[in-house]
Amino acid sequence: MPVFLTLGGVGFVLLIVSLVFDHHHDFDHGDLSIGDHGDHDGGGGPRLLSLKVVAAFLAAFGFAGAIARYQGLDMMSSSLVAAASGFFLGAVAYKLLGLVYRQQASSHIT
């Protein structure tokens, strides 16, 4: 259970730090990010492996795994519950970030 709690805590802290200090650059200024939409001005949409999505996955994975272990499940079952929860919350975070990115306006005239 300490491993799950540590992963959940690290994910939660990363999520809070990225939400407070990383307004829209998402710490990925390189060309190797997965989910790149080809728009490099910061308005194209969220990246699949952005810090916010990965942090949401880690937080959900850790805390769901800890809860599953606390409920008496074995390590394999707890890990499966944790992985399912992590992928679910990561997907929700990705979709919510996509919604926020689509609401942004641009001053470019085409």
N, C-alpha and C. Protein backbone atom coordinates (compact mmCIF):
# COMPACT_ATOMS: atom_id res chain seq x y z
N MET A 1 0.81 -1.20 0.00
CA MET A 1 0.00 0.00 0.00
C MET A 1 0.85 1.27 0.00
N PRO A 2 2.04 1.29 0.60
CA PRO A 2 2.85 2.52 0.56
C PRO A 2 3.24 2.93 -0.86
N VAL A 3 3.43 1.95 -1.75
CA VAL A 3 3.78 2.29 -3.13
C VAL A 3 2.62 3.01 -3.80
N PHE A 4 1.42 2.50 -3.61
CA PHE A 4 0.25 3.15 -4.20
C PHE A 4 0.05 4.56 -3.64
N LEU A 5 0.20 4.70 -2.33
CA LEU A 5 0.03 6.03 -1.73
C LEU A 5 1.10 7.01 -2.20
N THR A 6 2.33 6.53 -2.37
CA THR A 6 3.40 7.39 -2.87
C THR A 6 3.11 7.84 -4.30
N LEU A 7 2.70 6.90 -5.16
CA LEU A 7 2.37 7.27 -6.54
C LEU A 7 1.19 8.23 -6.59
N GLY A 8 0.18 7.98 -5.78
CA GLY A 8 -0.96 8.89 -5.73
C GLY A 8 -0.58 10.27 -5.25
N GLY A 9 0.26 10.34 -4.22
CA GLY A 9 0.71 11.64 -3.71
C GLY A 9 1.54 12.40 -4.72
N VAL A 10 2.46 11.70 -5.39
CA VAL A 10 3.29 12.35 -6.41
C VAL A 10 2.42 12.85 -7.56
N GLY A 11 1.48 12.03 -8.01
CA GLY A 11 0.58 12.45 -9.07
C GLY A 11 -0.27 13.64 -8.67
N PHE A 12 -0.76 13.63 -7.44
CA PHE A 12 -1.59 14.75 -6.97
C PHE A 12 -0.78 16.04 -6.88
N VAL A 13 0.43 15.96 -6.34
CA VAL A 13 1.28 17.16 -6.24
C VAL A 13 1.64 17.68 -7.63
N LEU A 14 1.99 16.78 -8.55
CA LEU A 14 2.29 17.21 -9.92
C LEU A 14 1.08 17.86 -10.58
N LEU A 15 -0.08 17.32 -10.35
CA LEU A 15 -1.30 17.88 -10.92
C LEU A 15 -1.56 19.28 -10.39
N ILE A 16 -1.43 19.46 -9.10
CA ILE A 16 -1.64 20.78 -8.51
C ILE A 16 -0.60 21.77 -9.01
N VAL A 17 0.67 21.36 -9.04
CA VAL A 17 1.74 22.25 -9.51
C VAL A 17 1.51 22.62 -10.97
N SER A 18 1.14 21.66 -11.81
CA SER A 18 0.94 21.97 -13.22
C SER A 18 -0.29 22.84 -13.44
N LEU A 19 -1.31 22.68 -12.62
CA LEU A 19 -2.50 23.52 -12.76
C LEU A 19 -2.26 24.94 -12.28
N VAL A 20 -1.42 25.11 -11.26
CA VAL A 20 -1.17 26.44 -10.71
C VAL A 20 -0.13 27.21 -11.51
N PHE A 21 0.99 26.56 -11.82
CA PHE A 21 2.12 27.27 -12.41
C PHE A 21 2.25 27.13 -13.91
N ASP A 22 1.60 26.18 -14.52
CA ASP A 22 1.78 25.91 -15.94
C ASP A 22 0.50 26.23 -16.67
N HIS A 23 0.31 27.51 -17.02
CA HIS A 23 -0.96 27.95 -17.56
C HIS A 23 -1.34 27.29 -18.88
N HIS A 24 -0.50 27.27 -19.90
CA HIS A 24 -0.87 26.54 -21.10
C HIS A 24 0.32 25.97 -21.86
N HIS A 25 1.52 26.13 -21.38
CA HIS A 25 2.67 25.60 -22.12
C HIS A 25 2.90 24.12 -21.85
N ASP A 26 2.50 23.61 -20.72
CA ASP A 26 2.52 22.20 -20.35
C ASP A 26 3.91 21.59 -20.36
N PHE A 27 4.93 22.37 -20.15
CA PHE A 27 6.30 21.89 -19.98
C PHE A 27 6.84 21.08 -21.15
N ASP A 28 6.14 21.01 -22.27
CA ASP A 28 6.64 20.21 -23.39
C ASP A 28 6.94 21.12 -24.58
N HIS A 29 8.15 21.60 -24.65
CA HIS A 29 8.53 22.51 -25.72
C HIS A 29 9.29 21.79 -26.82
N GLY A 30 9.38 20.47 -26.75
CA GLY A 30 10.11 19.70 -27.75
C GLY A 30 9.22 19.27 -28.89
N ASP A 31 9.81 18.59 -29.86
CA ASP A 31 9.06 18.13 -31.01
C ASP A 31 8.66 16.67 -30.90
N LEU A 32 8.92 16.01 -29.78
CA LEU A 32 8.68 14.58 -29.67
C LEU A 32 7.47 14.23 -28.82
N SER A 33 6.55 15.16 -28.65
CA SER A 33 5.39 14.86 -27.82
C SER A 33 4.36 14.07 -28.62
N ILE A 34 3.78 13.08 -27.98
CA ILE A 34 2.77 12.24 -28.62
C ILE A 34 1.45 12.97 -28.59
N GLY A 35 0.71 12.87 -29.65
CA GLY A 35 -0.57 13.55 -29.72
C GLY A 35 -0.44 14.95 -30.26
N ASP A 36 0.67 15.24 -30.90
CA ASP A 36 0.91 16.57 -31.44
C ASP A 36 -0.06 16.81 -32.60
N HIS A 37 -0.75 17.92 -32.54
CA HIS A 37 -1.74 18.23 -33.56
C HIS A 37 -1.17 19.09 -34.67
N GLY A 38 0.13 19.27 -34.69
CA GLY A 38 0.75 20.03 -35.75
C GLY A 38 0.68 21.53 -35.57
N ASP A 39 0.08 21.99 -34.53
CA ASP A 39 -0.08 23.42 -34.28
C ASP A 39 0.84 23.79 -33.14
N HIS A 40 1.94 24.47 -33.43
CA HIS A 40 2.97 24.72 -32.43
C HIS A 40 2.84 26.07 -31.76
N ASP A 41 1.71 26.74 -31.88
CA ASP A 41 1.56 28.01 -31.20
C ASP A 41 0.90 27.87 -29.85
N GLY A 42 0.69 26.65 -29.39
CA GLY A 42 0.12 26.41 -28.06
C GLY A 42 -1.38 26.31 -28.05
N GLY A 43 -2.06 26.47 -29.19
CA GLY A 43 -3.50 26.45 -29.20
C GLY A 43 -4.11 25.25 -29.88
N GLY A 44 -3.33 24.25 -30.23
CA GLY A 44 -3.83 23.13 -30.99
C GLY A 44 -4.62 22.13 -30.19
N GLY A 45 -4.37 22.02 -28.92
CA GLY A 45 -5.07 21.06 -28.09
C GLY A 45 -4.11 20.38 -27.15
N PRO A 46 -4.65 19.57 -26.26
CA PRO A 46 -3.79 18.90 -25.29
C PRO A 46 -2.99 17.78 -25.94
N ARG A 47 -1.89 17.45 -25.35
CA ARG A 47 -1.06 16.34 -25.79
C ARG A 47 -1.46 15.11 -25.00
N LEU A 48 -1.35 13.95 -25.61
CA LEU A 48 -1.74 12.70 -24.94
C LEU A 48 -0.88 12.43 -23.71
N LEU A 49 0.40 12.74 -23.79
CA LEU A 49 1.29 12.54 -22.65
C LEU A 49 1.68 13.87 -22.01
N SER A 50 0.73 14.77 -21.89
CA SER A 50 1.01 16.03 -21.22
C SER A 50 1.14 15.80 -19.72
N LEU A 51 1.76 16.73 -19.04
CA LEU A 51 1.99 16.59 -17.62
C LEU A 51 0.68 16.47 -16.85
N LYS A 52 -0.33 17.20 -17.24
CA LYS A 52 -1.62 17.16 -16.54
C LYS A 52 -2.29 15.79 -16.69
N VAL A 53 -2.23 15.21 -17.87
CA VAL A 53 -2.86 13.91 -18.10
C VAL A 53 -2.10 12.81 -17.36
N VAL A 54 -0.78 12.85 -17.42
CA VAL A 54 0.03 11.84 -16.73
C VAL A 54 -0.14 11.97 -15.21
N ALA A 55 -0.20 13.20 -14.71
CA ALA A 55 -0.39 13.40 -13.27
C ALA A 55 -1.76 12.91 -12.82
N ALA A 56 -2.79 13.13 -13.63
CA ALA A 56 -4.12 12.62 -13.30
C ALA A 56 -4.12 11.10 -13.28
N PHE A 57 -3.43 10.48 -14.25
CA PHE A 57 -3.31 9.02 -14.27
C PHE A 57 -2.62 8.53 -13.01
N LEU A 58 -1.48 9.15 -12.66
CA LEU A 58 -0.74 8.71 -11.48
C LEU A 58 -1.56 8.85 -10.20
N ALA A 59 -2.24 9.97 -10.05
CA ALA A 59 -3.05 10.19 -8.85
C ALA A 59 -4.15 9.14 -8.74
N ALA A 60 -4.87 8.91 -9.84
CA ALA A 60 -5.95 7.93 -9.81
C ALA A 60 -5.40 6.52 -9.59
N PHE A 61 -4.30 6.18 -10.27
CA PHE A 61 -3.68 4.87 -10.11
C PHE A 61 -3.29 4.63 -8.66
N GLY A 62 -2.60 5.59 -8.07
CA GLY A 62 -2.12 5.42 -6.71
C GLY A 62 -3.23 5.34 -5.68
N PHE A 63 -4.15 6.27 -5.73
CA PHE A 63 -5.19 6.29 -4.71
C PHE A 63 -6.20 5.15 -4.88
N ALA A 64 -6.54 4.80 -6.13
CA ALA A 64 -7.45 3.67 -6.34
C ALA A 64 -6.78 2.35 -5.91
N GLY A 65 -5.49 2.22 -6.18
CA GLY A 65 -4.77 1.02 -5.75
C GLY A 65 -4.70 0.91 -4.24
N ALA A 66 -4.48 2.04 -3.58
CA ALA A 66 -4.44 2.04 -2.11
C ALA A 66 -5.80 1.69 -1.52
N ILE A 67 -6.85 2.22 -2.11
CA ILE A 67 -8.21 1.91 -1.62
C ILE A 67 -8.51 0.43 -1.84
N ALA A 68 -8.12 -0.10 -3.01
CA ALA A 68 -8.37 -1.52 -3.30
C ALA A 68 -7.59 -2.41 -2.33
N ARG A 69 -6.35 -2.04 -2.03
CA ARG A 69 -5.56 -2.82 -1.05
C ARG A 69 -6.19 -2.73 0.34
N TYR A 70 -6.67 -1.56 0.69
CA TYR A 70 -7.30 -1.38 1.99
C TYR A 70 -8.58 -2.22 2.11
N GLN A 71 -9.26 -2.41 0.99
CA GLN A 71 -10.48 -3.22 0.99
C GLN A 71 -10.19 -4.71 1.03
N GLY A 72 -8.91 -5.10 0.95
CA GLY A 72 -8.55 -6.50 1.10
C GLY A 72 -8.22 -7.23 -0.19
N LEU A 73 -8.18 -6.55 -1.32
CA LEU A 73 -7.82 -7.21 -2.56
C LEU A 73 -6.33 -7.54 -2.58
N ASP A 74 -5.97 -8.58 -3.31
CA ASP A 74 -4.55 -8.92 -3.44
C ASP A 74 -3.86 -7.89 -4.36
N MET A 75 -2.54 -8.00 -4.46
CA MET A 75 -1.77 -6.99 -5.19
C MET A 75 -2.12 -6.96 -6.68
N MET A 76 -2.33 -8.11 -7.29
CA MET A 76 -2.66 -8.16 -8.72
C MET A 76 -4.02 -7.52 -8.98
N SER A 77 -5.00 -7.86 -8.19
CA SER A 77 -6.34 -7.27 -8.37
C SER A 77 -6.31 -5.77 -8.09
N SER A 78 -5.57 -5.37 -7.07
CA SER A 78 -5.45 -3.95 -6.77
C SER A 78 -4.78 -3.19 -7.91
N SER A 79 -3.78 -3.82 -8.51
CA SER A 79 -3.09 -3.19 -9.64
C SER A 79 -4.00 -3.05 -10.85
N LEU A 80 -4.84 -4.04 -11.08
CA LEU A 80 -5.79 -3.95 -12.20
C LEU A 80 -6.83 -2.87 -11.96
N VAL A 81 -7.34 -2.78 -10.73
CA VAL A 81 -8.28 -1.72 -10.39
C VAL A 81 -7.60 -0.36 -10.53
N ALA A 82 -6.35 -0.26 -10.08
CA ALA A 82 -5.61 0.98 -10.17
C ALA A 82 -5.37 1.39 -11.62
N ALA A 83 -5.00 0.43 -12.46
CA ALA A 83 -4.75 0.73 -13.87
C ALA A 83 -6.03 1.19 -14.57
N ALA A 84 -7.13 0.50 -14.31
CA ALA A 84 -8.40 0.88 -14.92
C ALA A 84 -8.80 2.29 -14.47
N SER A 85 -8.65 2.57 -13.19
CA SER A 85 -8.98 3.91 -12.67
C SER A 85 -8.06 4.97 -13.26
N GLY A 86 -6.78 4.64 -13.37
CA GLY A 86 -5.83 5.59 -13.93
C GLY A 86 -6.13 5.92 -15.37
N PHE A 87 -6.40 4.90 -16.18
CA PHE A 87 -6.71 5.15 -17.59
C PHE A 87 -8.02 5.93 -17.72
N PHE A 88 -9.00 5.62 -16.87
CA PHE A 88 -10.27 6.33 -16.93
C PHE A 88 -10.09 7.80 -16.59
N LEU A 89 -9.42 8.11 -15.48
CA LEU A 89 -9.25 9.51 -15.10
C LEU A 89 -8.30 10.24 -16.05
N GLY A 90 -7.31 9.53 -16.60
CA GLY A 90 -6.45 10.15 -17.61
C GLY A 90 -7.24 10.53 -18.85
N ALA A 91 -8.15 9.66 -19.28
CA ALA A 91 -8.99 9.96 -20.44
C ALA A 91 -9.94 11.12 -20.15
N VAL A 92 -10.49 11.16 -18.94
CA VAL A 92 -11.36 12.27 -18.55
C VAL A 92 -10.58 13.58 -18.54
N ALA A 93 -9.37 13.56 -18.00
CA ALA A 93 -8.54 14.76 -17.98
C ALA A 93 -8.21 15.22 -19.39
N TYR A 94 -7.90 14.27 -20.28
CA TYR A 94 -7.58 14.60 -21.67
C TYR A 94 -8.78 15.25 -22.36
N LYS A 95 -9.96 14.68 -22.15
CA LYS A 95 -11.17 15.24 -22.76
C LYS A 95 -11.49 16.63 -22.19
N LEU A 96 -11.35 16.80 -20.88
CA LEU A 96 -11.61 18.11 -20.28
C LEU A 96 -10.61 19.16 -20.77
N LEU A 97 -9.34 18.77 -20.89
CA LEU A 97 -8.35 19.70 -21.42
C LEU A 97 -8.66 20.06 -22.87
N GLY A 98 -9.13 19.08 -23.65
CA GLY A 98 -9.53 19.36 -25.03
C GLY A 98 -10.68 20.35 -25.09
N LEU A 99 -11.63 20.21 -24.17
CA LEU A 99 -12.74 21.16 -24.10
C LEU A 99 -12.25 22.57 -23.79
N VAL A 100 -11.32 22.68 -22.86
CA VAL A 100 -10.77 23.99 -22.50
C VAL A 100 -9.99 24.58 -23.66
N TYR A 101 -9.19 23.77 -24.34
CA TYR A 101 -8.41 24.27 -25.48
C TYR A 101 -9.31 24.75 -26.60
N ARG A 102 -10.44 24.06 -26.84
CA ARG A 102 -11.34 24.47 -27.91
C ARG A 102 -12.05 25.78 -27.60
N GLN A 103 -12.12 26.16 -26.33
CA GLN A 103 -12.78 27.41 -25.96
C GLN A 103 -11.89 28.63 -26.14
N GLN A 104 -10.61 28.41 -26.40
CA GLN A 104 -9.69 29.53 -26.55
C GLN A 104 -9.92 30.22 -27.88
N ALA A 105 -9.79 31.50 -27.89
CA ALA A 105 -9.93 32.29 -29.11
C ALA A 105 -8.55 32.63 -29.66
N SER A 106 -8.51 32.99 -30.91
CA SER A 106 -7.26 33.36 -31.57
C SER A 106 -7.43 34.72 -32.20
N SER A 107 -6.33 35.44 -32.31
CA SER A 107 -6.38 36.75 -32.95
C SER A 107 -5.86 36.70 -34.38
N HIS A 108 -5.61 35.49 -34.88
CA HIS A 108 -5.13 35.35 -36.26
C HIS A 108 -6.25 35.55 -37.25
N ILE A 109 -5.96 36.27 -38.31
CA ILE A 109 -6.93 36.48 -39.37
C ILE A 109 -6.56 35.58 -40.53
N THR A 110 -7.51 34.77 -40.95
CA THR A 110 -7.23 33.86 -42.07
C THR A 110 -8.00 34.28 -43.31
